[in-house]
Structures are given as structure tokens and as C-alpha cells.
All heavy atoms as atom14 arrays in JSON, in Angstrom:
{
  "sequence": "WPQHHLAVHLGMSPSNFGTMLKREHVLVRRALAVRAMYNALWRADPAE",
  "atom14_mask": [
    [1, 1, 1, 1, 1, 1, 1, 1, 1, 1, 1, 1, 1, 1],
    [1, 1, 1, 1, 1, 1, 1, 0, 0, 0, 0, 0, 0, 0],
    [1, 1, 1, 1, 1, 1, 1, 1, 1, 0, 0, 0, 0, 0],
    [1, 1, 1, 1, 1, 1, 1, 1, 1, 1, 0, 0, 0, 0],
    [1, 1, 1, 1, 1, 1, 1, 1, 1, 1, 0, 0, 0, 0],
    [1, 1, 1, 1, 1, 1, 1, 1, 0, 0, 0, 0, 0, 0],
    [1, 1, 1, 1, 1, 0, 0, 0, 0, 0, 0, 0, 0, 0],
    [1, 1, 1, 1, 1, 1, 1, 0, 0, 0, 0, 0, 0, 0],
    [1, 1, 1, 1, 1, 1, 1, 1, 1, 1, 0, 0, 0, 0],
    [1, 1, 1, 1, 1, 1, 1, 1, 0, 0, 0, 0, 0, 0],
    [1, 1, 1, 1, 0, 0, 0, 0, 0, 0, 0, 0, 0, 0],
    [1, 1, 1, 1, 1, 1, 1, 1, 0, 0, 0, 0, 0, 0],
    [1, 1, 1, 1, 1, 1, 0, 0, 0, 0, 0, 0, 0, 0],
    [1, 1, 1, 1, 1, 1, 1, 0, 0, 0, 0, 0, 0, 0],
    [1, 1, 1, 1, 1, 1, 0, 0, 0, 0, 0, 0, 0, 0],
    [1, 1, 1, 1, 1, 1, 1, 1, 0, 0, 0, 0, 0, 0],
    [1, 1, 1, 1, 1, 1, 1, 1, 1, 1, 1, 0, 0, 0],
    [1, 1, 1, 1, 0, 0, 0, 0, 0, 0, 0, 0, 0, 0],
    [1, 1, 1, 1, 1, 1, 1, 0, 0, 0, 0, 0, 0, 0],
    [1, 1, 1, 1, 1, 1, 1, 1, 0, 0, 0, 0, 0, 0],
    [1, 1, 1, 1, 1, 1, 1, 1, 0, 0, 0, 0, 0, 0],
    [1, 1, 1, 1, 1, 1, 1, 1, 1, 0, 0, 0, 0, 0],
    [1, 1, 1, 1, 1, 1, 1, 1, 1, 1, 1, 0, 0, 0],
    [1, 1, 1, 1, 1, 1, 1, 1, 1, 0, 0, 0, 0, 0],
    [1, 1, 1, 1, 1, 1, 1, 1, 1, 1, 0, 0, 0, 0],
    [1, 1, 1, 1, 1, 1, 1, 0, 0, 0, 0, 0, 0, 0],
    [1, 1, 1, 1, 1, 1, 1, 1, 0, 0, 0, 0, 0, 0],
    [1, 1, 1, 1, 1, 1, 1, 0, 0, 0, 0, 0, 0, 0],
    [1, 1, 1, 1, 1, 1, 1, 1, 1, 1, 1, 0, 0, 0],
    [1, 1, 1, 1, 1, 1, 1, 1, 1, 1, 1, 0, 0, 0],
    [1, 1, 1, 1, 1, 0, 0, 0, 0, 0, 0, 0, 0, 0],
    [1, 1, 1, 1, 1, 1, 1, 1, 0, 0, 0, 0, 0, 0],
    [1, 1, 1, 1, 1, 0, 0, 0, 0, 0, 0, 0, 0, 0],
    [1, 1, 1, 1, 1, 1, 1, 0, 0, 0, 0, 0, 0, 0],
    [1, 1, 1, 1, 1, 1, 1, 1, 1, 1, 1, 0, 0, 0],
    [1, 1, 1, 1, 1, 0, 0, 0, 0, 0, 0, 0, 0, 0],
    [1, 1, 1, 1, 1, 1, 1, 1, 0, 0, 0, 0, 0, 0],
    [1, 1, 1, 1, 1, 1, 1, 1, 1, 1, 1, 1, 0, 0],
    [1, 1, 1, 1, 1, 1, 1, 1, 0, 0, 0, 0, 0, 0],
    [1, 1, 1, 1, 1, 0, 0, 0, 0, 0, 0, 0, 0, 0],
    [1, 1, 1, 1, 1, 1, 1, 1, 0, 0, 0, 0, 0, 0],
    [1, 1, 1, 1, 1, 1, 1, 1, 1, 1, 1, 1, 1, 1],
    [1, 1, 1, 1, 1, 1, 1, 1, 1, 1, 1, 0, 0, 0],
    [1, 1, 1, 1, 1, 0, 0, 0, 0, 0, 0, 0, 0, 0],
    [1, 1, 1, 1, 1, 1, 1, 1, 0, 0, 0, 0, 0, 0],
    [1, 1, 1, 1, 1, 1, 1, 0, 0, 0, 0, 0, 0, 0],
    [1, 1, 1, 1, 1, 0, 0, 0, 0, 0, 0, 0, 0, 0],
    [1, 1, 1, 1, 1, 1, 1, 1, 1, 0, 0, 0, 0, 0]
  ],
  "atom14_positions": [
    [[-4.27, 7.47, -6.8], [-4.76, 6.34, -6.01], [-5.09, 6.81, -4.6], [-4.2, 7.2, -3.85], [-3.72, 5.22, -5.95], [-3.65, 4.41, -7.2], [-2.79, 4.55, -8.23], [-4.5, 3.31, -7.54], [-3.03, 3.63, -9.2], [-4.08, 2.84, -8.81], [-5.57, 2.67, -6.91], [-4.7, 1.77, -9.46], [-6.19, 1.61, -7.55], [-5.75, 1.16, -8.81]],
    [[-6.36, 6.79, -4.2], [-6.7, 7.14, -2.81], [-6.03, 6.17, -1.84], [-5.91, 4.97, -2.12], [-8.23, 7.0, -2.77], [-8.66, 7.15, -4.21], [-7.56, 6.53, -5.01], [0.0, 0.0, 0.0], [0.0, 0.0, 0.0], [0.0, 0.0, 0.0], [0.0, 0.0, 0.0], [0.0, 0.0, 0.0], [0.0, 0.0, 0.0], [0.0, 0.0, 0.0]],
    [[-5.61, 6.67, -0.71], [-4.87, 5.83, 0.23], [-5.7, 4.67, 0.76], [-5.18, 3.58, 1.02], [-4.34, 6.68, 1.39], [-3.26, 7.66, 0.96], [-2.55, 8.3, 2.14], [-2.08, 7.63, 3.04], [-2.49, 9.63, 2.12], [0.0, 0.0, 0.0], [0.0, 0.0, 0.0], [0.0, 0.0, 0.0], [0.0, 0.0, 0.0], [0.0, 0.0, 0.0]],
    [[-7.02, 4.88, 0.9], [-7.82, 3.77, 1.42], [-7.91, 2.63, 0.39], [-8.03, 1.46, 0.77], [-9.21, 4.24, 1.84], [-10.12, 4.6, 0.72], [-10.17, 5.88, 0.18], [-11.05, 3.86, 0.02], [-11.07, 5.9, -0.79], [-11.62, 4.7, -0.92], [0.0, 0.0, 0.0], [0.0, 0.0, 0.0], [0.0, 0.0, 0.0], [0.0, 0.0, 0.0]],
    [[-7.81, 2.93, -0.92], [-7.78, 1.88, -1.93], [-6.48, 1.08, -1.81], [-6.47, -0.15, -1.94], [-7.88, 2.48, -3.34], [-9.28, 2.76, -3.77], [-10.05, 3.76, -3.23], [-10.07, 2.16, -4.71], [-11.23, 3.77, -3.8], [-11.28, 2.81, -4.71], [0.0, 0.0, 0.0], [0.0, 0.0, 0.0], [0.0, 0.0, 0.0], [0.0, 0.0, 0.0]],
    [[-5.38, 1.78, -1.56], [-4.1, 1.09, -1.4], [-4.11, 0.22, -0.14], [-3.57, -0.9, -0.15], [-2.96, 2.11, -1.33], [-2.82, 3.04, -2.54], [-1.64, 3.99, -2.34], [-2.65, 2.25, -3.84], [0.0, 0.0, 0.0], [0.0, 0.0, 0.0], [0.0, 0.0, 0.0], [0.0, 0.0, 0.0], [0.0, 0.0, 0.0], [0.0, 0.0, 0.0]],
    [[-4.72, 0.73, 0.9], [-4.81, -0.05, 2.14], [-5.59, -1.34, 1.91], [-5.19, -2.43, 2.34], [-5.46, 0.79, 3.24], [0.0, 0.0, 0.0], [0.0, 0.0, 0.0], [0.0, 0.0, 0.0], [0.0, 0.0, 0.0], [0.0, 0.0, 0.0], [0.0, 0.0, 0.0], [0.0, 0.0, 0.0], [0.0, 0.0, 0.0], [0.0, 0.0, 0.0]],
    [[-6.72, -1.23, 1.21], [-7.54, -2.41, 0.91], [-6.74, -3.41, 0.07], [-6.81, -4.62, 0.28], [-8.84, -2.0, 0.2], [-9.58, -3.23, -0.34], [-9.73, -1.22, 1.15], [0.0, 0.0, 0.0], [0.0, 0.0, 0.0], [0.0, 0.0, 0.0], [0.0, 0.0, 0.0], [0.0, 0.0, 0.0], [0.0, 0.0, 0.0], [0.0, 0.0, 0.0]],
    [[-5.99, -2.9, -0.91], [-5.18, -3.77, -1.75], [-4.2, -4.58, -0.92], [-3.91, -5.74, -1.24], [-4.42, -2.92, -2.77], [-3.71, -3.73, -3.82], [-4.26, -3.99, -5.05], [-2.5, -4.35, -3.82], [-3.42, -4.74, -5.76], [-2.35, -4.95, -5.04], [0.0, 0.0, 0.0], [0.0, 0.0, 0.0], [0.0, 0.0, 0.0], [0.0, 0.0, 0.0]],
    [[-3.7, -3.99, 0.17], [-2.72, -4.67, 1.03], [-3.38, -5.46, 2.16], [-2.69, -6.1, 2.95], [-1.75, -3.65, 1.64], [-0.83, -2.91, 0.66], [-0.08, -1.8, 1.38], [0.15, -3.89, 0.02], [0.0, 0.0, 0.0], [0.0, 0.0, 0.0], [0.0, 0.0, 0.0], [0.0, 0.0, 0.0], [0.0, 0.0, 0.0], [0.0, 0.0, 0.0]],
    [[-4.71, -5.39, 2.23], [-5.41, -6.07, 3.33], [-5.23, -5.37, 4.65], [-5.24, -6.0, 5.71], [0.0, 0.0, 0.0], [0.0, 0.0, 0.0], [0.0, 0.0, 0.0], [0.0, 0.0, 0.0], [0.0, 0.0, 0.0], [0.0, 0.0, 0.0], [0.0, 0.0, 0.0], [0.0, 0.0, 0.0], [0.0, 0.0, 0.0], [0.0, 0.0, 0.0]],
    [[-5.08, -4.05, 4.62], [-4.87, -3.26, 5.82], [-6.01, -2.27, 5.99], [-6.74, -1.95, 5.04], [-3.55, -2.47, 5.73], [-2.31, -3.31, 5.49], [-0.82, -2.28, 5.26], [-0.67, -1.53, 6.89], [0.0, 0.0, 0.0], [0.0, 0.0, 0.0], [0.0, 0.0, 0.0], [0.0, 0.0, 0.0], [0.0, 0.0, 0.0], [0.0, 0.0, 0.0]],
    [[-6.15, -1.74, 7.2], [-7.09, -0.65, 7.42], [-6.4, 0.65, 7.03], [-5.16, 0.74, 7.07], [-7.5, -0.59, 8.9], [-6.39, -0.21, 9.71], [0.0, 0.0, 0.0], [0.0, 0.0, 0.0], [0.0, 0.0, 0.0], [0.0, 0.0, 0.0], [0.0, 0.0, 0.0], [0.0, 0.0, 0.0], [0.0, 0.0, 0.0], [0.0, 0.0, 0.0]],
    [[-7.14, 1.67, 6.62], [-6.52, 2.95, 6.26], [-5.65, 3.54, 7.36], [-4.59, 4.11, 7.08], [-7.72, 3.85, 5.96], [-8.79, 2.89, 5.52], [-8.59, 1.67, 6.37], [0.0, 0.0, 0.0], [0.0, 0.0, 0.0], [0.0, 0.0, 0.0], [0.0, 0.0, 0.0], [0.0, 0.0, 0.0], [0.0, 0.0, 0.0], [0.0, 0.0, 0.0]],
    [[-6.06, 3.38, 8.62], [-5.26, 3.93, 9.72], [-3.93, 3.2, 9.84], [-2.88, 3.82, 10.07], [-6.04, 3.85, 11.04], [-6.36, 2.5, 11.35], [0.0, 0.0, 0.0], [0.0, 0.0, 0.0], [0.0, 0.0, 0.0], [0.0, 0.0, 0.0], [0.0, 0.0, 0.0], [0.0, 0.0, 0.0], [0.0, 0.0, 0.0], [0.0, 0.0, 0.0]],
    [[-3.95, 1.87, 9.71], [-2.7, 1.1, 9.78], [-1.8, 1.41, 8.59], [-0.56, 1.43, 8.72], [-2.99, -0.4, 9.83], [-3.54, -0.83, 11.17], [-3.4, -0.12, 12.16], [-4.18, -1.99, 11.2], [0.0, 0.0, 0.0], [0.0, 0.0, 0.0], [0.0, 0.0, 0.0], [0.0, 0.0, 0.0], [0.0, 0.0, 0.0], [0.0, 0.0, 0.0]],
    [[-2.41, 1.67, 7.43], [-1.62, 2.02, 6.25], [-0.88, 3.33, 6.49], [0.32, 3.45, 6.22], [-2.54, 2.13, 5.03], [-1.83, 2.51, 3.76], [-1.16, 1.55, 3.02], [-1.84, 3.82, 3.32], [-0.51, 1.9, 1.83], [-1.2, 4.18, 2.13], [-0.52, 3.22, 1.39], [0.0, 0.0, 0.0], [0.0, 0.0, 0.0], [0.0, 0.0, 0.0]],
    [[-1.59, 4.32, 7.01], [-0.95, 5.6, 7.29], [0.13, 5.49, 8.35], [1.19, 6.11, 8.24], [0.0, 0.0, 0.0], [0.0, 0.0, 0.0], [0.0, 0.0, 0.0], [0.0, 0.0, 0.0], [0.0, 0.0, 0.0], [0.0, 0.0, 0.0], [0.0, 0.0, 0.0], [0.0, 0.0, 0.0], [0.0, 0.0, 0.0], [0.0, 0.0, 0.0]],
    [[-0.11, 4.67, 9.37], [0.88, 4.48, 10.43], [2.12, 3.8, 9.88], [3.26, 4.16, 10.25], [0.28, 3.63, 11.56], [-0.86, 4.3, 12.1], [1.3, 3.39, 12.66], [0.0, 0.0, 0.0], [0.0, 0.0, 0.0], [0.0, 0.0, 0.0], [0.0, 0.0, 0.0], [0.0, 0.0, 0.0], [0.0, 0.0, 0.0], [0.0, 0.0, 0.0]],
    [[1.94, 2.83, 8.99], [3.07, 2.12, 8.41], [4.03, 3.09, 7.71], [5.25, 2.97, 7.82], [2.59, 1.07, 7.4], [3.7, 0.37, 6.64], [3.09, -0.65, 5.27], [2.48, 0.61, 4.14], [0.0, 0.0, 0.0], [0.0, 0.0, 0.0], [0.0, 0.0, 0.0], [0.0, 0.0, 0.0], [0.0, 0.0, 0.0], [0.0, 0.0, 0.0]],
    [[3.47, 4.08, 7.0], [4.29, 5.0, 6.24], [5.02, 6.02, 7.12], [5.91, 6.71, 6.64], [3.42, 5.75, 5.22], [2.76, 4.87, 4.16], [1.93, 5.73, 3.21], [3.79, 4.06, 3.39], [0.0, 0.0, 0.0], [0.0, 0.0, 0.0], [0.0, 0.0, 0.0], [0.0, 0.0, 0.0], [0.0, 0.0, 0.0], [0.0, 0.0, 0.0]],
    [[4.66, 6.08, 8.4], [5.3, 7.03, 9.3], [6.31, 6.37, 10.23], [7.03, 7.07, 10.94], [4.24, 7.74, 10.15], [3.27, 8.6, 9.34], [2.2, 9.19, 10.22], [1.2, 10.0, 9.4], [0.1, 10.54, 10.25], [0.0, 0.0, 0.0], [0.0, 0.0, 0.0], [0.0, 0.0, 0.0], [0.0, 0.0, 0.0], [0.0, 0.0, 0.0]],
    [[6.37, 5.06, 10.22], [7.28, 4.36, 11.13], [8.73, 4.47, 10.67], [9.02, 4.69, 9.5], [6.88, 2.89, 11.24], [5.6, 2.69, 12.04], [5.19, 1.24, 12.06], [4.0, 1.04, 12.89], [3.22, -0.03, 12.84], [3.49, -0.99, 11.98], [2.18, -0.13, 13.64], [0.0, 0.0, 0.0], [0.0, 0.0, 0.0], [0.0, 0.0, 0.0]],
    [[9.65, 4.27, 11.62], [11.08, 4.35, 11.32], [11.57, 3.1, 10.59], [12.62, 3.14, 9.96], [11.87, 4.52, 12.61], [11.61, 5.86, 13.31], [12.47, 6.05, 14.55], [13.24, 5.11, 14.87], [12.38, 7.1, 15.18], [0.0, 0.0, 0.0], [0.0, 0.0, 0.0], [0.0, 0.0, 0.0], [0.0, 0.0, 0.0], [0.0, 0.0, 0.0]],
    [[10.82, 2.01, 10.7], [11.18, 0.78, 10.01], [9.92, 0.12, 9.45], [8.81, 0.39, 9.91], [11.89, -0.2, 10.95], [13.19, 0.3, 11.49], [13.28, 0.98, 12.69], [14.45, 0.25, 10.99], [14.54, 1.33, 12.9], [15.27, 0.9, 11.9], [0.0, 0.0, 0.0], [0.0, 0.0, 0.0], [0.0, 0.0, 0.0], [0.0, 0.0, 0.0]],
    [[10.12, -0.72, 8.47], [9.03, -1.52, 7.92], [9.54, -2.94, 7.77], [10.74, -3.16, 7.54], [8.57, -0.95, 6.55], [9.68, -1.06, 5.51], [7.32, -1.66, 6.07], [0.0, 0.0, 0.0], [0.0, 0.0, 0.0], [0.0, 0.0, 0.0], [0.0, 0.0, 0.0], [0.0, 0.0, 0.0], [0.0, 0.0, 0.0], [0.0, 0.0, 0.0]],
    [[8.66, -3.9, 7.96], [9.08, -5.3, 7.85], [9.25, -5.67, 6.38], [8.56, -5.15, 5.5], [8.05, -6.22, 8.5], [7.82, -6.04, 10.0], [6.81, -7.07, 10.51], [9.12, -6.14, 10.78], [0.0, 0.0, 0.0], [0.0, 0.0, 0.0], [0.0, 0.0, 0.0], [0.0, 0.0, 0.0], [0.0, 0.0, 0.0], [0.0, 0.0, 0.0]],
    [[10.18, -6.59, 6.14], [10.47, -7.02, 4.76], [9.21, -7.51, 4.06], [8.97, -7.19, 2.89], [11.56, -8.1, 4.76], [11.61, -8.81, 3.42], [12.92, -7.48, 5.06], [0.0, 0.0, 0.0], [0.0, 0.0, 0.0], [0.0, 0.0, 0.0], [0.0, 0.0, 0.0], [0.0, 0.0, 0.0], [0.0, 0.0, 0.0], [0.0, 0.0, 0.0]],
    [[8.4, -8.29, 4.75], [7.2, -8.83, 4.11], [6.25, -7.72, 3.66], [5.61, -7.81, 2.62], [6.48, -9.81, 5.05], [6.02, -9.23, 6.37], [5.36, -10.31, 7.23], [5.04, -9.83, 8.57], [3.97, -9.14, 8.88], [3.08, -8.85, 7.95], [3.76, -8.75, 10.13], [0.0, 0.0, 0.0], [0.0, 0.0, 0.0], [0.0, 0.0, 0.0]],
    [[6.18, -6.64, 4.44], [5.32, -5.53, 4.06], [5.94, -4.74, 2.9], [5.25, -4.3, 1.98], [5.09, -4.61, 5.26], [4.07, -3.53, 5.0], [2.69, -4.12, 4.77], [2.11, -4.63, 5.99], [1.0, -5.35, 6.03], [0.38, -5.67, 4.9], [0.52, -5.8, 7.18], [0.0, 0.0, 0.0], [0.0, 0.0, 0.0], [0.0, 0.0, 0.0]],
    [[7.27, -4.58, 2.95], [7.95, -3.88, 1.85], [7.77, -4.65, 0.54], [7.56, -4.04, -0.52], [9.43, -3.72, 2.18], [0.0, 0.0, 0.0], [0.0, 0.0, 0.0], [0.0, 0.0, 0.0], [0.0, 0.0, 0.0], [0.0, 0.0, 0.0], [0.0, 0.0, 0.0], [0.0, 0.0, 0.0], [0.0, 0.0, 0.0], [0.0, 0.0, 0.0]],
    [[7.84, -5.96, 0.59], [7.64, -6.77, -0.61], [6.2, -6.63, -1.12], [5.97, -6.58, -2.34], [7.96, -8.24, -0.32], [9.44, -8.58, -0.13], [9.58, -10.02, 0.36], [10.21, -8.39, -1.44], [0.0, 0.0, 0.0], [0.0, 0.0, 0.0], [0.0, 0.0, 0.0], [0.0, 0.0, 0.0], [0.0, 0.0, 0.0], [0.0, 0.0, 0.0]],
    [[5.25, -6.58, -0.2], [3.84, -6.44, -0.6], [3.61, -5.09, -1.27], [2.91, -4.99, -2.29], [2.93, -6.6, 0.61], [0.0, 0.0, 0.0], [0.0, 0.0, 0.0], [0.0, 0.0, 0.0], [0.0, 0.0, 0.0], [0.0, 0.0, 0.0], [0.0, 0.0, 0.0], [0.0, 0.0, 0.0], [0.0, 0.0, 0.0], [0.0, 0.0, 0.0]],
    [[4.2, -4.03, -0.73], [4.05, -2.7, -1.32], [4.75, -2.64, -2.67], [4.24, -2.03, -3.62], [4.58, -1.62, -0.37], [4.61, -0.25, -1.05], [3.72, -1.56, 0.9], [0.0, 0.0, 0.0], [0.0, 0.0, 0.0], [0.0, 0.0, 0.0], [0.0, 0.0, 0.0], [0.0, 0.0, 0.0], [0.0, 0.0, 0.0], [0.0, 0.0, 0.0]],
    [[5.91, -3.28, -2.78], [6.61, -3.3, -4.06], [5.78, -4.01, -5.12], [5.68, -3.54, -6.26], [7.97, -3.99, -3.91], [8.84, -3.9, -5.16], [10.18, -4.57, -4.94], [10.08, -6.03, -4.88], [11.13, -6.85, -4.71], [12.34, -6.34, -4.57], [10.94, -8.15, -4.68], [0.0, 0.0, 0.0], [0.0, 0.0, 0.0], [0.0, 0.0, 0.0]],
    [[5.16, -5.13, -4.76], [4.31, -5.86, -5.7], [3.09, -5.01, -6.09], [2.68, -4.99, -7.26], [3.87, -7.19, -5.09], [0.0, 0.0, 0.0], [0.0, 0.0, 0.0], [0.0, 0.0, 0.0], [0.0, 0.0, 0.0], [0.0, 0.0, 0.0], [0.0, 0.0, 0.0], [0.0, 0.0, 0.0], [0.0, 0.0, 0.0], [0.0, 0.0, 0.0]],
    [[2.52, -4.32, -5.12], [1.37, -3.45, -5.4], [1.79, -2.33, -6.35], [1.06, -2.01, -7.31], [0.84, -2.86, -4.09], [-0.3, -1.87, -4.27], [-0.92, -1.19, -2.7], [0.48, -0.16, -2.22], [0.0, 0.0, 0.0], [0.0, 0.0, 0.0], [0.0, 0.0, 0.0], [0.0, 0.0, 0.0], [0.0, 0.0, 0.0], [0.0, 0.0, 0.0]],
    [[2.92, -1.74, -6.1], [3.41, -0.65, -6.96], [3.61, -1.14, -8.39], [3.18, -0.48, -9.35], [4.72, -0.13, -6.38], [5.41, 0.95, -7.19], [5.0, 2.27, -7.1], [6.46, 0.63, -8.04], [5.63, 3.26, -7.83], [7.09, 1.61, -8.78], [6.69, 2.93, -8.67], [7.31, 3.9, -9.4], [0.0, 0.0, 0.0], [0.0, 0.0, 0.0]],
    [[4.24, -2.3, -8.54], [4.47, -2.85, -9.88], [3.17, -3.15, -10.6], [3.09, -3.06, -11.84], [5.32, -4.12, -9.79], [6.75, -3.84, -9.34], [7.24, -2.71, -9.46], [7.42, -4.85, -8.8], [0.0, 0.0, 0.0], [0.0, 0.0, 0.0], [0.0, 0.0, 0.0], [0.0, 0.0, 0.0], [0.0, 0.0, 0.0], [0.0, 0.0, 0.0]],
    [[2.13, -3.5, -9.84], [0.85, -3.84, -10.46], [0.0, -2.61, -10.79], [-0.79, -2.64, -11.74], [0.07, -4.76, -9.53], [0.0, 0.0, 0.0], [0.0, 0.0, 0.0], [0.0, 0.0, 0.0], [0.0, 0.0, 0.0], [0.0, 0.0, 0.0], [0.0, 0.0, 0.0], [0.0, 0.0, 0.0], [0.0, 0.0, 0.0], [0.0, 0.0, 0.0]],
    [[0.17, -1.53, -10.03], [-0.78, -0.41, -10.13], [-0.23, 0.87, -10.74], [-1.02, 1.75, -11.1], [-1.35, -0.07, -8.74], [-2.12, -1.17, -8.01], [-2.65, -0.63, -6.69], [-3.25, -1.72, -8.86], [0.0, 0.0, 0.0], [0.0, 0.0, 0.0], [0.0, 0.0, 0.0], [0.0, 0.0, 0.0], [0.0, 0.0, 0.0], [0.0, 0.0, 0.0]],
    [[1.09, 1.0, -10.86], [1.6, 2.33, -11.23], [1.16, 2.78, -12.62], [1.09, 3.97, -12.9], [3.11, 2.38, -11.08], [3.92, 1.64, -12.12], [4.27, 0.34, -12.09], [4.48, 2.2, -13.32], [5.02, 0.02, -13.2], [5.16, 1.14, -13.96], [4.48, 3.45, -13.9], [5.83, 1.32, -15.19], [5.15, 3.63, -15.11], [5.82, 2.58, -15.73]],
    [[0.84, 1.83, -13.5], [0.35, 2.2, -14.83], [-1.15, 1.98, -14.98], [-1.71, 2.21, -16.05], [1.1, 1.41, -15.9], [2.53, 1.86, -16.12], [3.2, 1.12, -17.25], [3.33, -0.31, -16.98], [3.93, -1.18, -17.79], [4.42, -0.76, -18.95], [4.02, -2.44, -17.46], [0.0, 0.0, 0.0], [0.0, 0.0, 0.0], [0.0, 0.0, 0.0]],
    [[-1.81, 1.54, -13.92], [-3.25, 1.25, -14.0], [-4.06, 2.53, -13.74], [-3.58, 3.48, -13.1], [-3.62, 0.17, -12.98], [0.0, 0.0, 0.0], [0.0, 0.0, 0.0], [0.0, 0.0, 0.0], [0.0, 0.0, 0.0], [0.0, 0.0, 0.0], [0.0, 0.0, 0.0], [0.0, 0.0, 0.0], [0.0, 0.0, 0.0], [0.0, 0.0, 0.0]],
    [[-5.28, 2.54, -14.22], [-6.2, 3.66, -14.02], [-7.0, 3.42, -12.75], [-7.76, 2.45, -12.66], [-7.14, 3.78, -15.22], [-8.07, 4.98, -15.12], [-8.05, 5.67, -14.08], [-8.82, 5.23, -16.08], [0.0, 0.0, 0.0], [0.0, 0.0, 0.0], [0.0, 0.0, 0.0], [0.0, 0.0, 0.0], [0.0, 0.0, 0.0], [0.0, 0.0, 0.0]],
    [[-6.85, 4.27, -11.73], [-7.59, 4.06, -10.49], [-9.1, 3.99, -10.7], [-9.8, 3.27, -9.98], [-7.21, 5.28, -9.63], [-5.88, 5.73, -10.18], [-5.95, 5.43, -11.65], [0.0, 0.0, 0.0], [0.0, 0.0, 0.0], [0.0, 0.0, 0.0], [0.0, 0.0, 0.0], [0.0, 0.0, 0.0], [0.0, 0.0, 0.0], [0.0, 0.0, 0.0]],
    [[-9.6, 4.73, -11.71], [-11.04, 4.73, -11.96], [-11.54, 3.35, -12.35], [-12.69, 2.98, -12.05], [-11.38, 5.74, -13.05], [0.0, 0.0, 0.0], [0.0, 0.0, 0.0], [0.0, 0.0, 0.0], [0.0, 0.0, 0.0], [0.0, 0.0, 0.0], [0.0, 0.0, 0.0], [0.0, 0.0, 0.0], [0.0, 0.0, 0.0], [0.0, 0.0, 0.0]],
    [[-10.7, 2.57, -13.02], [-11.09, 1.23, -13.43], [-11.08, 0.25, -12.26], [-11.49, -0.9, -12.41], [-10.17, 0.73, -14.54], [-10.28, 1.55, -15.83], [-9.37, 1.03, -16.91], [-8.6, 0.07, -16.64], [-9.4, 1.57, -18.04], [0.0, 0.0, 0.0], [0.0, 0.0, 0.0], [0.0, 0.0, 0.0], [0.0, 0.0, 0.0], [0.0, 0.0, 0.0]]
  ]
}
């Protein structure tokens, strides 16, 4: 999964997505959104 596709899935810009992953903390609402994205995409084919 290209990172910019994941950013779009979360409604974020690619730069904000990268910054989020480098921060010392993440907000619960964002963690929940990433968890939901992971559950939806981990078995999906990115090409589709």
C-alpha cells in the first residue's frame, strides 16, 4: 500500500500522514481511524 493511498483513505495529506507516524503521541480518534483502515485493507489488493 503506497503511503499516499493510506493518507487519502484517512482524509489526510501525505505529509501529515508521515508526520503522524513520527510523533511521540497520537490522538485516540486517529488511532481508531488507522485501526479501522488496517482492518479493512490488510487483506485487500492495493491494485484493486
